[in-house]
N, C-alpha and C. Protein backbone atom coordinates (compact mmCIF):
# COMPACT_ATOMS: atom_id res chain seq x y z
N MET A 1 17.87 -18.06 -9.76
CA MET A 1 18.72 -17.58 -10.69
C MET A 1 18.06 -18.72 -11.37
N THR A 2 17.79 -18.53 -12.67
CA THR A 2 17.47 -19.45 -13.93
C THR A 2 18.71 -20.25 -14.57
N ILE A 3 18.37 -21.87 -14.85
CA ILE A 3 19.45 -22.73 -15.10
C ILE A 3 19.48 -22.48 -16.81
N LYS A 4 20.76 -22.53 -16.72
CA LYS A 4 21.69 -22.54 -18.24
C LYS A 4 22.06 -23.73 -18.78
N ILE A 5 21.69 -23.84 -19.81
CA ILE A 5 22.74 -24.63 -20.93
C ILE A 5 24.36 -24.99 -19.96
N GLY A 6 24.68 -25.88 -19.38
CA GLY A 6 26.00 -26.56 -18.78
C GLY A 6 25.45 -26.52 -17.62
N ASP A 7 24.50 -26.26 -17.17
CA ASP A 7 24.40 -26.06 -15.41
C ASP A 7 23.80 -28.14 -15.05
N THR A 8 24.49 -27.77 -14.06
CA THR A 8 23.73 -29.39 -13.41
C THR A 8 22.22 -28.71 -12.70
N LEU A 9 21.68 -29.95 -12.74
CA LEU A 9 20.14 -29.73 -12.04
C LEU A 9 20.27 -29.79 -10.94
N PRO A 10 19.63 -28.97 -10.09
CA PRO A 10 19.20 -29.30 -8.46
C PRO A 10 19.30 -31.05 -8.17
N ASP A 11 19.91 -31.66 -7.25
CA ASP A 11 19.48 -32.60 -6.25
C ASP A 11 18.40 -32.45 -5.78
N ILE A 12 17.47 -32.82 -6.14
CA ILE A 12 15.89 -32.30 -5.20
C ILE A 12 15.24 -33.85 -4.91
N GLU A 13 14.79 -34.45 -4.10
CA GLU A 13 13.99 -35.35 -4.49
C GLU A 13 12.27 -34.99 -5.43
N LEU A 14 12.08 -35.81 -5.74
CA LEU A 14 10.65 -36.21 -6.91
C LEU A 14 9.98 -37.30 -6.60
N ARG A 15 8.98 -37.17 -6.79
CA ARG A 15 7.77 -38.13 -6.76
C ARG A 15 7.26 -38.52 -7.97
N PHE A 16 7.36 -40.02 -8.66
CA PHE A 16 6.68 -40.64 -9.74
C PHE A 16 6.04 -42.16 -8.83
N MET A 17 5.33 -42.37 -10.45
CA MET A 17 4.39 -43.52 -10.30
C MET A 17 5.38 -44.46 -9.90
N GLY A 18 5.36 -45.50 -9.25
CA GLY A 18 6.26 -46.78 -9.30
C GLY A 18 5.11 -48.09 -9.80
N ASP A 19 5.79 -49.03 -9.32
CA ASP A 19 4.90 -50.64 -10.14
C ASP A 19 4.06 -50.53 -8.37
N LYS A 20 4.47 -50.00 -7.13
CA LYS A 20 3.68 -50.04 -6.03
C LYS A 20 3.02 -49.12 -5.54
N GLY A 21 3.25 -48.01 -6.33
CA GLY A 21 2.54 -46.56 -5.82
C GLY A 21 3.35 -45.62 -5.93
N PRO A 22 3.18 -44.24 -5.14
CA PRO A 22 4.24 -43.31 -5.42
C PRO A 22 5.26 -43.54 -5.16
N GLU A 23 6.78 -42.93 -5.40
CA GLU A 23 8.06 -43.33 -5.14
C GLU A 23 8.52 -42.60 -5.18
N LYS A 24 9.54 -42.02 -4.45
CA LYS A 24 10.38 -41.11 -4.39
C LYS A 24 12.29 -41.28 -4.44
N LYS A 25 12.17 -40.47 -5.80
CA LYS A 25 14.13 -40.33 -6.06
C LYS A 25 14.71 -38.96 -5.93
N THR A 26 16.22 -38.89 -6.06
CA THR A 26 16.72 -37.77 -6.18
C THR A 26 16.30 -37.68 -7.81
N VAL A 27 16.81 -36.12 -7.85
CA VAL A 27 17.42 -35.93 -9.73
C VAL A 27 18.28 -36.65 -9.95
N ARG A 28 19.54 -36.77 -9.03
CA ARG A 28 20.68 -37.59 -9.92
C ARG A 28 19.89 -39.08 -10.13
N ASP A 29 19.51 -39.68 -9.15
CA ASP A 29 18.74 -41.36 -9.27
C ASP A 29 18.28 -40.98 -10.62
N LEU A 30 17.06 -39.85 -10.58
CA LEU A 30 16.36 -39.94 -12.08
C LEU A 30 17.21 -40.14 -13.77
N PHE A 31 18.07 -39.06 -13.23
CA PHE A 31 18.85 -38.32 -14.38
C PHE A 31 20.05 -39.11 -14.54
N GLY A 32 20.48 -39.59 -13.74
CA GLY A 32 21.97 -40.28 -13.75
C GLY A 32 22.13 -40.97 -14.61
N GLY A 33 23.00 -40.96 -15.76
CA GLY A 33 23.52 -42.54 -17.28
C GLY A 33 22.24 -42.18 -17.78
N LYS A 34 21.70 -41.40 -17.60
CA LYS A 34 20.89 -40.82 -19.41
C LYS A 34 20.63 -39.73 -19.94
N ARG A 35 20.19 -39.52 -20.88
CA ARG A 35 20.47 -38.41 -22.02
C ARG A 35 18.42 -38.33 -22.16
N VAL A 36 17.91 -37.88 -21.53
CA VAL A 36 16.78 -37.36 -20.91
C VAL A 36 15.71 -35.96 -22.09
N ALA A 37 14.74 -36.41 -21.98
CA ALA A 37 14.32 -35.52 -22.70
C ALA A 37 13.14 -34.61 -21.53
N LEU A 38 12.86 -33.67 -20.81
CA LEU A 38 12.16 -33.11 -19.94
C LEU A 38 11.62 -32.49 -20.38
N PHE A 39 10.26 -32.30 -20.10
CA PHE A 39 9.61 -31.43 -20.53
C PHE A 39 8.27 -30.68 -19.51
N ALA A 40 8.13 -29.39 -18.97
CA ALA A 40 7.50 -29.41 -17.99
C ALA A 40 5.85 -28.27 -19.12
N VAL A 41 4.85 -28.79 -17.75
CA VAL A 41 3.65 -27.95 -18.38
C VAL A 41 3.16 -26.98 -16.68
N PRO A 42 2.20 -26.11 -17.20
CA PRO A 42 1.80 -25.35 -15.88
C PRO A 42 0.97 -26.35 -15.32
N GLY A 43 0.00 -27.12 -15.82
CA GLY A 43 -0.94 -27.87 -15.31
C GLY A 43 -1.28 -28.59 -15.91
N ALA A 44 -2.05 -29.96 -15.39
CA ALA A 44 -2.21 -30.97 -16.03
C ALA A 44 -3.89 -30.65 -16.12
N PHE A 45 -4.39 -31.35 -17.65
CA PHE A 45 -5.69 -31.29 -17.67
C PHE A 45 -6.11 -29.88 -17.98
N THR A 46 -5.27 -29.06 -18.55
CA THR A 46 -5.32 -27.62 -18.87
C THR A 46 -5.00 -27.53 -20.53
N ALA A 47 -5.32 -26.44 -21.12
CA ALA A 47 -5.87 -26.22 -22.03
C ALA A 47 -4.81 -26.85 -23.69
N THR A 48 -3.38 -26.14 -23.85
CA THR A 48 -2.71 -26.13 -24.13
C THR A 48 -1.27 -27.26 -23.95
N CYS A 49 -1.38 -27.89 -22.62
CA CYS A 49 -1.05 -28.59 -21.87
C CYS A 49 -1.09 -30.08 -22.42
N SER A 50 -2.79 -30.32 -22.31
CA SER A 50 -3.66 -31.89 -22.68
C SER A 50 -3.67 -31.76 -24.38
N ASN A 51 -4.10 -30.60 -25.04
CA ASN A 51 -4.01 -30.70 -26.32
C ASN A 51 -2.89 -30.42 -27.29
N LYS A 52 -1.94 -30.00 -26.52
CA LYS A 52 -0.58 -29.63 -27.84
C LYS A 52 0.59 -30.65 -26.99
N HIS A 53 0.94 -29.88 -26.36
CA HIS A 53 2.32 -29.96 -25.46
C HIS A 53 2.42 -31.98 -25.02
N ALA A 54 1.64 -31.55 -24.21
CA ALA A 54 1.84 -33.60 -23.93
C ALA A 54 1.66 -34.84 -24.98
N PRO A 55 0.95 -34.17 -25.92
CA PRO A 55 1.00 -34.84 -26.39
C PRO A 55 1.56 -35.08 -28.06
N SER A 56 2.30 -34.05 -28.43
CA SER A 56 3.68 -34.02 -28.47
C SER A 56 4.85 -34.95 -28.76
N TYR A 57 4.75 -35.22 -27.21
CA TYR A 57 5.42 -36.00 -26.40
C TYR A 57 5.39 -37.65 -26.94
N ILE A 58 4.08 -37.77 -26.81
CA ILE A 58 3.44 -38.97 -26.99
C ILE A 58 3.71 -39.37 -28.01
N ALA A 59 3.54 -38.59 -29.12
CA ALA A 59 3.41 -38.67 -30.34
C ALA A 59 4.99 -39.05 -31.34
N HIS A 60 6.15 -38.38 -30.82
CA HIS A 60 7.35 -38.53 -31.06
C HIS A 60 8.26 -39.35 -30.17
N ALA A 61 7.44 -39.54 -29.58
CA ALA A 61 8.34 -40.97 -27.96
C ALA A 61 9.54 -41.82 -29.43
N ASP A 62 9.06 -42.13 -29.86
CA ASP A 62 10.16 -43.22 -30.92
C ASP A 62 10.60 -42.61 -31.46
N ALA A 63 11.04 -41.25 -31.86
CA ALA A 63 12.00 -40.42 -32.82
C ALA A 63 12.54 -39.73 -32.21
N LEU A 64 12.32 -39.40 -30.61
CA LEU A 64 13.37 -39.11 -29.73
C LEU A 64 14.47 -39.86 -29.29
N LYS A 65 13.65 -41.44 -29.46
CA LYS A 65 14.29 -42.01 -28.74
C LYS A 65 15.34 -42.84 -29.93
N ALA A 66 14.60 -42.87 -30.85
CA ALA A 66 15.54 -43.15 -32.40
C ALA A 66 17.29 -42.10 -32.51
N LYS A 67 17.26 -40.83 -31.85
CA LYS A 67 17.88 -39.78 -31.77
C LYS A 67 18.62 -39.97 -30.25
N GLY A 68 18.65 -40.73 -29.74
CA GLY A 68 19.72 -41.09 -28.39
C GLY A 68 18.96 -40.67 -27.05
N ILE A 69 17.36 -40.48 -27.34
CA ILE A 69 17.00 -39.74 -25.86
C ILE A 69 16.61 -41.30 -25.38
N ASP A 70 17.16 -41.39 -23.98
CA ASP A 70 16.63 -42.67 -23.17
C ASP A 70 15.40 -42.84 -22.72
N ALA A 71 14.86 -41.60 -21.67
CA ALA A 71 13.64 -41.03 -21.44
C ALA A 71 12.90 -40.09 -21.59
N ILE A 72 11.91 -39.97 -21.30
CA ILE A 72 11.21 -38.91 -21.66
C ILE A 72 10.40 -38.50 -20.27
N PHE A 73 10.73 -37.43 -20.11
CA PHE A 73 9.75 -36.86 -17.97
C PHE A 73 8.94 -35.71 -18.91
N CYS A 74 8.15 -36.15 -18.11
CA CYS A 74 7.36 -34.81 -18.16
C CYS A 74 7.10 -34.42 -15.98
N THR A 75 7.32 -32.84 -15.83
CA THR A 75 7.15 -32.45 -14.82
C THR A 75 5.96 -31.22 -14.92
N SER A 76 5.60 -31.30 -13.51
CA SER A 76 4.07 -30.45 -13.17
C SER A 76 4.16 -29.97 -11.72
N THR A 77 3.82 -28.82 -11.42
CA THR A 77 3.68 -28.20 -9.92
C THR A 77 2.65 -28.94 -9.19
N THR A 78 2.47 -30.43 -9.20
CA THR A 78 0.89 -30.76 -8.81
C THR A 78 1.35 -32.07 -8.54
N ASP A 79 0.52 -32.93 -7.91
CA ASP A 79 0.85 -33.76 -7.22
C ASP A 79 0.76 -34.95 -8.15
N ILE A 80 1.14 -36.29 -7.58
CA ILE A 80 1.54 -37.60 -8.54
C ILE A 80 0.64 -38.00 -9.36
N PHE A 81 -0.73 -38.16 -8.35
CA PHE A 81 -2.17 -38.51 -8.23
C PHE A 81 -3.12 -38.02 -9.97
N VAL A 82 -2.54 -36.58 -9.60
CA VAL A 82 -2.78 -35.82 -10.55
C VAL A 82 -2.24 -35.89 -12.09
N LEU A 83 -1.10 -36.39 -11.94
CA LEU A 83 -0.16 -36.71 -12.95
C LEU A 83 -0.82 -37.86 -13.46
N GLU A 84 -0.47 -38.88 -13.06
CA GLU A 84 -0.95 -40.07 -13.29
C GLU A 84 -2.42 -40.34 -13.84
N ALA A 85 -3.07 -39.63 -13.64
CA ALA A 85 -4.70 -39.68 -13.82
C ALA A 85 -4.60 -38.82 -15.16
N TRP A 86 -3.83 -37.89 -15.46
CA TRP A 86 -3.92 -36.96 -17.23
C TRP A 86 -3.37 -38.10 -18.09
N ALA A 87 -2.06 -38.65 -17.25
CA ALA A 87 -1.21 -39.28 -18.48
C ALA A 87 -2.03 -40.07 -18.52
N SER A 88 -2.71 -41.54 -18.44
CA SER A 88 -4.01 -41.95 -17.92
C SER A 88 -4.93 -41.49 -19.25
N SER A 89 -5.37 -40.25 -19.09
CA SER A 89 -6.48 -40.05 -19.99
C SER A 89 -5.60 -39.73 -21.21
N MET A 90 -4.68 -39.27 -21.39
CA MET A 90 -4.14 -38.84 -22.91
C MET A 90 -3.70 -40.61 -23.55
N GLY A 91 -3.51 -41.60 -23.04
CA GLY A 91 -3.12 -42.69 -23.15
C GLY A 91 -1.51 -42.77 -23.34
N ALA A 92 -0.74 -41.70 -23.11
CA ALA A 92 0.80 -42.08 -22.61
C ALA A 92 1.65 -43.27 -22.33
N GLY A 93 0.83 -44.41 -21.61
CA GLY A 93 1.19 -45.86 -21.48
C GLY A 93 2.61 -45.29 -20.98
N ASP A 94 3.57 -46.37 -21.35
CA ASP A 94 5.12 -45.91 -20.55
C ASP A 94 5.72 -45.35 -21.80
N LYS A 95 5.46 -44.45 -22.43
CA LYS A 95 6.44 -43.62 -23.76
C LYS A 95 6.75 -41.89 -22.17
N ILE A 96 6.11 -41.84 -21.34
CA ILE A 96 6.33 -40.62 -20.45
C ILE A 96 6.46 -41.12 -19.04
N THR A 97 7.15 -40.82 -18.57
CA THR A 97 7.17 -40.80 -17.00
C THR A 97 6.87 -39.57 -15.98
N MET A 98 5.39 -39.48 -15.37
CA MET A 98 5.40 -38.27 -14.91
C MET A 98 6.31 -38.15 -13.55
N ILE A 99 7.07 -36.56 -13.16
CA ILE A 99 7.39 -36.28 -11.85
C ILE A 99 6.88 -35.06 -11.64
N ALA A 100 6.18 -35.43 -10.69
CA ALA A 100 6.06 -34.62 -9.20
C ALA A 100 6.65 -33.60 -8.59
N ASP A 101 5.84 -32.56 -8.42
CA ASP A 101 7.00 -31.60 -8.21
C ASP A 101 5.98 -30.73 -7.45
N GLY A 102 5.22 -31.50 -6.29
CA GLY A 102 3.77 -30.90 -5.67
C GLY A 102 4.65 -29.65 -4.91
N ASN A 103 5.85 -29.66 -4.50
CA ASN A 103 6.20 -28.62 -3.31
C ASN A 103 6.90 -27.25 -4.19
N PHE A 104 6.92 -27.44 -5.51
CA PHE A 104 7.28 -27.01 -6.06
C PHE A 104 9.44 -26.52 -6.20
N GLU A 105 9.78 -27.22 -5.50
CA GLU A 105 11.23 -27.19 -5.44
C GLU A 105 11.82 -27.24 -6.20
N PHE A 106 11.98 -28.15 -7.29
CA PHE A 106 12.25 -27.93 -8.62
C PHE A 106 12.42 -26.96 -9.85
N ALA A 107 10.88 -26.53 -10.17
CA ALA A 107 10.69 -25.40 -10.76
C ALA A 107 11.38 -24.79 -10.46
N ARG A 108 11.14 -24.15 -8.48
CA ARG A 108 12.21 -23.11 -7.75
C ARG A 108 13.77 -23.16 -7.89
N GLY A 109 14.31 -24.29 -8.40
CA GLY A 109 15.79 -24.68 -8.48
C GLY A 109 16.02 -24.60 -9.31
N VAL A 110 15.16 -24.89 -10.46
CA VAL A 110 15.66 -24.64 -12.05
C VAL A 110 15.37 -22.68 -12.18
N GLY A 111 14.55 -22.25 -11.52
CA GLY A 111 14.78 -21.00 -11.83
C GLY A 111 13.43 -20.91 -13.08
N LEU A 112 12.51 -21.76 -13.00
CA LEU A 112 11.48 -21.61 -14.07
C LEU A 112 10.14 -21.78 -13.30
N THR A 113 9.65 -20.70 -12.79
CA THR A 113 8.39 -20.20 -11.94
C THR A 113 7.41 -19.27 -12.92
N PHE A 114 6.34 -18.92 -12.90
CA PHE A 114 5.63 -17.61 -13.48
C PHE A 114 4.53 -17.42 -12.91
N ASP A 115 4.34 -16.46 -12.17
CA ASP A 115 2.48 -16.69 -11.02
C ASP A 115 1.55 -16.40 -12.19
N GLY A 116 0.59 -17.31 -11.95
CA GLY A 116 -0.55 -17.30 -12.84
C GLY A 116 -1.77 -16.65 -12.27
N SER A 117 -1.60 -16.07 -10.77
CA SER A 117 -2.83 -15.61 -9.98
C SER A 117 -3.65 -14.55 -11.12
N ALA A 118 -3.50 -13.74 -12.28
CA ALA A 118 -4.33 -13.52 -13.30
C ALA A 118 -5.24 -14.31 -13.56
N PHE A 119 -5.03 -15.51 -13.65
CA PHE A 119 -5.91 -16.40 -14.35
C PHE A 119 -6.32 -17.33 -13.27
N GLY A 120 -5.65 -16.90 -12.14
CA GLY A 120 -6.41 -18.27 -10.83
C GLY A 120 -5.39 -19.30 -10.55
N MET A 121 -4.63 -19.49 -11.23
CA MET A 121 -3.51 -20.88 -11.38
C MET A 121 -2.55 -20.39 -10.28
N GLY A 122 -2.25 -19.15 -9.63
CA GLY A 122 -1.21 -18.63 -8.69
C GLY A 122 0.38 -19.42 -8.91
N GLU A 123 1.08 -19.71 -8.39
CA GLU A 123 2.29 -19.53 -8.41
C GLU A 123 2.40 -21.20 -9.58
N ARG A 124 2.78 -21.27 -11.04
CA ARG A 124 2.94 -22.13 -11.55
C ARG A 124 4.54 -22.57 -12.00
N SER A 125 4.45 -23.85 -12.64
CA SER A 125 5.89 -23.76 -13.30
C SER A 125 5.97 -23.31 -14.94
N GLN A 126 7.03 -22.69 -15.30
CA GLN A 126 7.52 -21.91 -16.71
C GLN A 126 6.71 -23.22 -17.63
N ARG A 127 6.40 -23.26 -18.66
CA ARG A 127 6.50 -24.30 -19.78
C ARG A 127 7.60 -24.03 -20.34
N TYR A 128 8.92 -25.17 -20.61
CA TYR A 128 9.71 -25.66 -21.30
C TYR A 128 9.69 -26.34 -21.31
N SER A 129 11.27 -26.83 -22.31
CA SER A 129 11.49 -28.44 -22.44
C SER A 129 13.34 -28.11 -22.29
N MET A 130 13.76 -29.17 -22.18
CA MET A 130 15.29 -29.42 -21.80
C MET A 130 15.60 -30.67 -22.33
N VAL A 131 16.91 -30.97 -22.91
CA VAL A 131 17.88 -32.42 -23.25
C VAL A 131 18.83 -31.90 -21.90
N VAL A 132 18.51 -33.27 -21.09
CA VAL A 132 19.52 -33.61 -19.83
C VAL A 132 20.42 -34.57 -19.90
N SER A 133 21.36 -34.61 -20.30
CA SER A 133 22.62 -35.40 -20.21
C SER A 133 23.17 -35.76 -19.11
N ASP A 134 22.76 -37.05 -17.84
CA ASP A 134 23.39 -37.35 -16.82
C ASP A 134 23.72 -35.72 -15.87
N GLY A 135 22.01 -35.55 -16.13
CA GLY A 135 21.87 -34.17 -14.34
C GLY A 135 22.60 -32.85 -15.34
N VAL A 136 22.37 -32.54 -16.34
CA VAL A 136 23.85 -31.87 -16.65
C VAL A 136 22.67 -31.34 -18.38
N VAL A 137 21.92 -30.10 -18.47
CA VAL A 137 21.26 -28.95 -19.24
C VAL A 137 22.06 -29.33 -20.41
N GLU A 138 21.69 -29.76 -22.00
CA GLU A 138 22.68 -29.68 -22.88
C GLU A 138 21.52 -29.04 -23.75
N GLN A 139 20.27 -28.95 -23.64
CA GLN A 139 19.48 -27.93 -24.65
C GLN A 139 18.32 -27.60 -23.33
N LEU A 140 18.40 -26.40 -23.68
CA LEU A 140 16.78 -25.42 -22.99
C LEU A 140 15.91 -24.92 -23.66
N PHE A 141 14.90 -25.12 -23.54
CA PHE A 141 14.03 -24.33 -24.44
C PHE A 141 12.87 -24.07 -23.41
N THR A 142 12.84 -22.52 -23.83
CA THR A 142 11.95 -21.72 -22.62
C THR A 142 10.83 -21.22 -23.55
N GLU A 143 9.52 -21.30 -22.39
CA GLU A 143 8.57 -20.16 -23.79
C GLU A 143 7.91 -19.40 -21.98
N ASN A 144 7.71 -17.48 -23.11
CA ASN A 144 7.14 -16.84 -22.55
C ASN A 144 5.62 -17.36 -21.63
N PRO A 145 4.97 -16.94 -20.72
CA PRO A 145 4.05 -17.58 -20.23
C PRO A 145 2.88 -17.09 -21.47
N GLY A 146 2.00 -17.99 -21.54
CA GLY A 146 0.56 -18.46 -22.39
C GLY A 146 1.22 -18.79 -23.50
N THR A 147 2.53 -18.84 -24.10
CA THR A 147 2.43 -19.09 -25.43
C THR A 147 3.48 -20.71 -25.27
N TYR A 148 3.28 -21.39 -26.28
CA TYR A 148 4.13 -22.96 -26.82
C TYR A 148 4.56 -22.54 -28.20
N GLU A 149 5.43 -22.50 -28.18
CA GLU A 149 6.22 -22.60 -29.33
C GLU A 149 7.81 -23.68 -29.48
N LYS A 150 8.75 -23.28 -28.28
CA LYS A 150 9.73 -23.47 -28.55
C LYS A 150 10.13 -24.78 -27.74
N SER A 151 9.11 -25.87 -26.94
CA SER A 151 9.17 -26.78 -25.97
C SER A 151 8.59 -27.88 -26.48
N SER A 152 7.77 -27.94 -27.99
CA SER A 152 7.34 -29.26 -28.56
C SER A 152 8.48 -29.73 -28.34
N ALA A 153 7.77 -31.49 -28.52
CA ALA A 153 8.52 -32.17 -29.02
C ALA A 153 9.08 -32.17 -30.46
N GLU A 154 8.20 -31.29 -31.69
CA GLU A 154 8.79 -31.20 -32.73
C GLU A 154 9.89 -30.24 -32.92
N HIS A 155 10.18 -29.20 -31.68
CA HIS A 155 11.17 -28.52 -31.92
C HIS A 155 12.07 -29.00 -30.99
N MET A 156 12.12 -29.85 -30.25
CA MET A 156 13.58 -30.54 -29.77
C MET A 156 14.26 -31.46 -31.06
N LEU A 157 13.37 -32.43 -30.93
CA LEU A 157 13.43 -33.13 -32.77
C LEU A 157 14.51 -32.44 -33.95
N GLU A 158 13.94 -31.03 -34.22
CA GLU A 158 14.75 -30.51 -34.94
C GLU A 158 16.34 -29.49 -34.61
N ASN A 159 16.26 -30.00 -32.99
CA ASN A 159 17.48 -29.33 -32.79
C ASN A 159 18.23 -30.63 -31.94
N LEU A 160 17.66 -31.74 -32.44
CA LEU A 160 18.83 -32.68 -31.84
C LEU A 160 19.59 -33.50 -32.70
């Protein structure tokens, strides 16, 4: 079942890069007490993700925070090492926290996956963005596979 506005995110353990290397935290710990802009990409280093999606959040990080966003998280169904290399290659710095969903537990838990086998990509996270307040979905912007319109930082800013 696909998550919707008003639903609580599933409390799944995710990985992110901490000061001493990879760390694990639950969704409750990562999102608790914060208003978070979360966006998901089908893959790091892929064309749209690298040229448009992630750069939109890097470019508009300050504007999002000025509108009440405490943190910006990016998730993808890959490992934290790839996500960190990707963030570094884009100069994301401390503007975005990369959240690895290498076991697809989060993407499946929110019901936002797609089959990219026709493109040689296998199962992937769908492209989407959401505003999450203390673990509850406040806004949700999903894309159809192969599109990039509603999940950008610009679209999110227009709707805050």
